[in-house]
N, C-alpha and C. Protein backbone atom coordinates (compact mmCIF):
# COMPACT_ATOMS: atom_id res chain seq x y z
N UNK A 1 0.84 -1.18 0.00
CA UNK A 1 0.00 0.00 0.00
C UNK A 1 0.89 1.24 0.00
N UNK A 2 0.65 2.18 -0.89
CA UNK A 2 1.47 3.39 -0.92
C UNK A 2 1.27 4.23 0.34
N UNK A 3 2.32 4.86 0.75
CA UNK A 3 2.22 5.77 1.88
C UNK A 3 2.89 7.09 1.51
N UNK A 4 3.05 7.95 2.50
CA UNK A 4 3.58 9.29 2.23
C UNK A 4 5.00 9.25 1.68
N UNK A 5 5.84 8.38 2.21
CA UNK A 5 7.24 8.34 1.79
C UNK A 5 7.47 7.44 0.59
N UNK A 6 6.53 6.57 0.28
CA UNK A 6 6.65 5.67 -0.86
C UNK A 6 5.35 5.76 -1.67
N UNK A 7 5.26 6.70 -2.60
CA UNK A 7 3.99 6.94 -3.29
C UNK A 7 3.56 5.85 -4.25
N UNK A 8 4.40 4.87 -4.52
CA UNK A 8 4.04 3.79 -5.43
C UNK A 8 4.67 3.98 -6.79
N UNK A 9 4.22 3.23 -7.77
CA UNK A 9 4.83 3.33 -9.10
C UNK A 9 4.57 4.67 -9.75
N UNK A 10 5.48 5.04 -10.62
CA UNK A 10 5.36 6.31 -11.34
C UNK A 10 4.30 6.15 -12.42
N UNK A 11 3.42 7.12 -12.54
CA UNK A 11 2.36 7.07 -13.55
C UNK A 11 2.96 7.29 -14.93
N UNK A 12 2.39 6.64 -15.95
CA UNK A 12 2.91 6.86 -17.30
C UNK A 12 2.64 8.29 -17.75
N UNK A 13 3.43 8.82 -18.66
CA UNK A 13 3.21 10.19 -19.12
C UNK A 13 1.86 10.29 -19.84
N UNK A 14 1.23 11.46 -19.79
CA UNK A 14 -0.08 11.62 -20.43
C UNK A 14 0.03 11.51 -21.95
N UNK A 15 -1.04 11.07 -22.55
CA UNK A 15 -1.11 10.95 -24.00
C UNK A 15 -1.13 12.35 -24.60
N UNK A 16 -0.20 12.70 -25.49
CA UNK A 16 -0.17 14.06 -26.03
C UNK A 16 -1.38 14.37 -26.92
N UNK A 17 -2.04 13.35 -27.47
CA UNK A 17 -3.18 13.60 -28.35
C UNK A 17 -4.51 13.55 -27.61
N UNK A 18 -4.49 13.28 -26.32
CA UNK A 18 -5.74 13.14 -25.57
C UNK A 18 -6.51 14.46 -25.50
N UNK A 19 -5.82 15.56 -25.28
CA UNK A 19 -6.49 16.86 -25.18
C UNK A 19 -7.18 17.22 -26.49
N UNK A 20 -6.50 17.00 -27.61
CA UNK A 20 -7.09 17.31 -28.91
C UNK A 20 -8.30 16.41 -29.18
N UNK A 21 -8.22 15.14 -28.82
CA UNK A 21 -9.34 14.23 -29.03
C UNK A 21 -10.54 14.64 -28.19
N UNK A 22 -10.28 15.06 -26.96
CA UNK A 22 -11.38 15.51 -26.10
C UNK A 22 -12.01 16.77 -26.66
N UNK A 23 -11.19 17.69 -27.13
CA UNK A 23 -11.71 18.92 -27.71
C UNK A 23 -12.53 18.63 -28.97
N UNK A 24 -12.06 17.73 -29.81
CA UNK A 24 -12.79 17.38 -31.03
C UNK A 24 -14.13 16.73 -30.70
N UNK A 25 -14.17 15.89 -29.68
CA UNK A 25 -15.42 15.25 -29.29
C UNK A 25 -16.42 16.29 -28.77
N UNK A 26 -15.94 17.25 -27.99
CA UNK A 26 -16.82 18.30 -27.48
C UNK A 26 -17.31 19.18 -28.62
N UNK A 27 -16.47 19.44 -29.59
CA UNK A 27 -16.87 20.26 -30.74
C UNK A 27 -17.95 19.56 -31.56
N UNK A 28 -17.85 18.23 -31.67
CA UNK A 28 -18.89 17.49 -32.40
C UNK A 28 -20.20 17.48 -31.63
N UNK A 29 -20.12 17.45 -30.30
CA UNK A 29 -21.34 17.42 -29.48
C UNK A 29 -22.13 18.71 -29.67
N UNK A 30 -21.45 19.84 -29.65
CA UNK A 30 -22.12 21.13 -29.80
C UNK A 30 -21.87 21.65 -31.21
N UNK A 31 -22.46 20.97 -32.15
CA UNK A 31 -22.29 21.38 -33.53
C UNK A 31 -23.03 22.69 -33.77
N UNK A 32 -22.71 23.33 -34.86
CA UNK A 32 -23.35 24.60 -35.19
C UNK A 32 -24.77 24.37 -35.65
N UNK A 33 -25.56 25.40 -35.53
CA UNK A 33 -26.92 25.34 -36.04
C UNK A 33 -27.93 24.91 -34.99
N UNK A 34 -29.09 24.54 -35.47
CA UNK A 34 -30.22 24.22 -34.60
C UNK A 34 -29.98 22.99 -33.72
N UNK A 35 -29.41 21.88 -34.20
CA UNK A 35 -29.19 20.74 -33.31
C UNK A 35 -28.27 21.08 -32.13
N UNK A 36 -27.24 21.87 -32.38
CA UNK A 36 -26.35 22.27 -31.29
C UNK A 36 -27.05 23.17 -30.29
N UNK A 37 -27.92 24.03 -30.79
CA UNK A 37 -28.69 24.93 -29.92
C UNK A 37 -29.59 24.11 -28.99
N UNK A 38 -30.32 23.14 -29.54
CA UNK A 38 -31.22 22.33 -28.73
C UNK A 38 -30.45 21.45 -27.76
N UNK A 39 -29.26 21.02 -28.13
CA UNK A 39 -28.43 20.24 -27.22
C UNK A 39 -28.02 21.08 -26.02
N UNK A 40 -27.65 22.33 -26.27
CA UNK A 40 -27.27 23.21 -25.17
C UNK A 40 -28.47 23.56 -24.30
N UNK A 41 -29.65 23.75 -24.90
CA UNK A 41 -30.86 24.03 -24.13
C UNK A 41 -31.19 22.84 -23.23
N UNK A 42 -31.08 21.63 -23.76
CA UNK A 42 -31.36 20.43 -22.97
C UNK A 42 -30.39 20.33 -21.80
N UNK A 43 -29.11 20.60 -22.03
CA UNK A 43 -28.12 20.56 -20.95
C UNK A 43 -28.45 21.61 -19.88
N UNK A 44 -28.88 22.79 -20.31
CA UNK A 44 -29.24 23.85 -19.37
C UNK A 44 -30.45 23.44 -18.53
N UNK A 45 -31.46 22.85 -19.16
CA UNK A 45 -32.65 22.41 -18.43
C UNK A 45 -32.31 21.31 -17.42
N UNK A 46 -31.43 20.41 -17.78
CA UNK A 46 -31.01 19.37 -16.85
C UNK A 46 -30.30 19.99 -15.65
N UNK A 47 -29.42 20.94 -15.90
CA UNK A 47 -28.70 21.59 -14.80
C UNK A 47 -29.66 22.35 -13.88
N UNK A 48 -30.64 23.04 -14.46
CA UNK A 48 -31.62 23.78 -13.65
C UNK A 48 -32.47 22.80 -12.83
N UNK A 49 -32.84 21.67 -13.42
CA UNK A 49 -33.64 20.68 -12.70
C UNK A 49 -32.86 20.10 -11.53
N UNK A 50 -31.59 19.81 -11.73
CA UNK A 50 -30.76 19.28 -10.63
C UNK A 50 -30.66 20.30 -9.51
N UNK A 51 -30.43 21.56 -9.86
CA UNK A 51 -30.35 22.61 -8.83
C UNK A 51 -31.68 22.77 -8.11
N UNK A 52 -32.80 22.67 -8.83
CA UNK A 52 -34.11 22.78 -8.21
C UNK A 52 -34.36 21.64 -7.22
N UNK A 53 -33.92 20.44 -7.57
CA UNK A 53 -34.08 19.31 -6.66
C UNK A 53 -33.24 19.52 -5.41
N UNK A 54 -32.02 20.00 -5.57
CA UNK A 54 -31.15 20.24 -4.41
C UNK A 54 -31.75 21.30 -3.50
N UNK A 55 -32.23 22.40 -4.08
CA UNK A 55 -32.84 23.47 -3.28
C UNK A 55 -34.12 22.96 -2.62
N UNK A 56 -34.92 22.19 -3.35
CA UNK A 56 -36.15 21.64 -2.78
C UNK A 56 -35.87 20.72 -1.60
N UNK A 57 -34.87 19.87 -1.71
CA UNK A 57 -34.50 19.01 -0.60
C UNK A 57 -34.00 19.81 0.59
N UNK A 58 -33.24 20.85 0.30
CA UNK A 58 -32.71 21.69 1.37
C UNK A 58 -33.85 22.38 2.10
N UNK A 59 -34.82 22.91 1.39
CA UNK A 59 -35.96 23.58 2.01
C UNK A 59 -36.80 22.57 2.78
N UNK A 60 -36.98 21.37 2.23
CA UNK A 60 -37.80 20.35 2.87
C UNK A 60 -37.17 19.88 4.18
N UNK A 61 -35.84 19.78 4.21
CA UNK A 61 -35.15 19.34 5.42
C UNK A 61 -35.24 20.40 6.50
N UNK A 62 -35.13 21.66 6.14
CA UNK A 62 -35.20 22.74 7.14
C UNK A 62 -36.63 23.00 7.43
């Protein structure tokens, strides 16, 4: 088990193309035009719903 003085094996270096691949995937998700707009609206509604549930639980508990 690793401890403070012996952190364990060294992690392999990060993949240099990983950042570009992640960026390309995000760019495809939010494409231009109407489909990208509706995708962003859906993400916003999900975030608002999650926040509303958290606030509702907080109010219900108090």
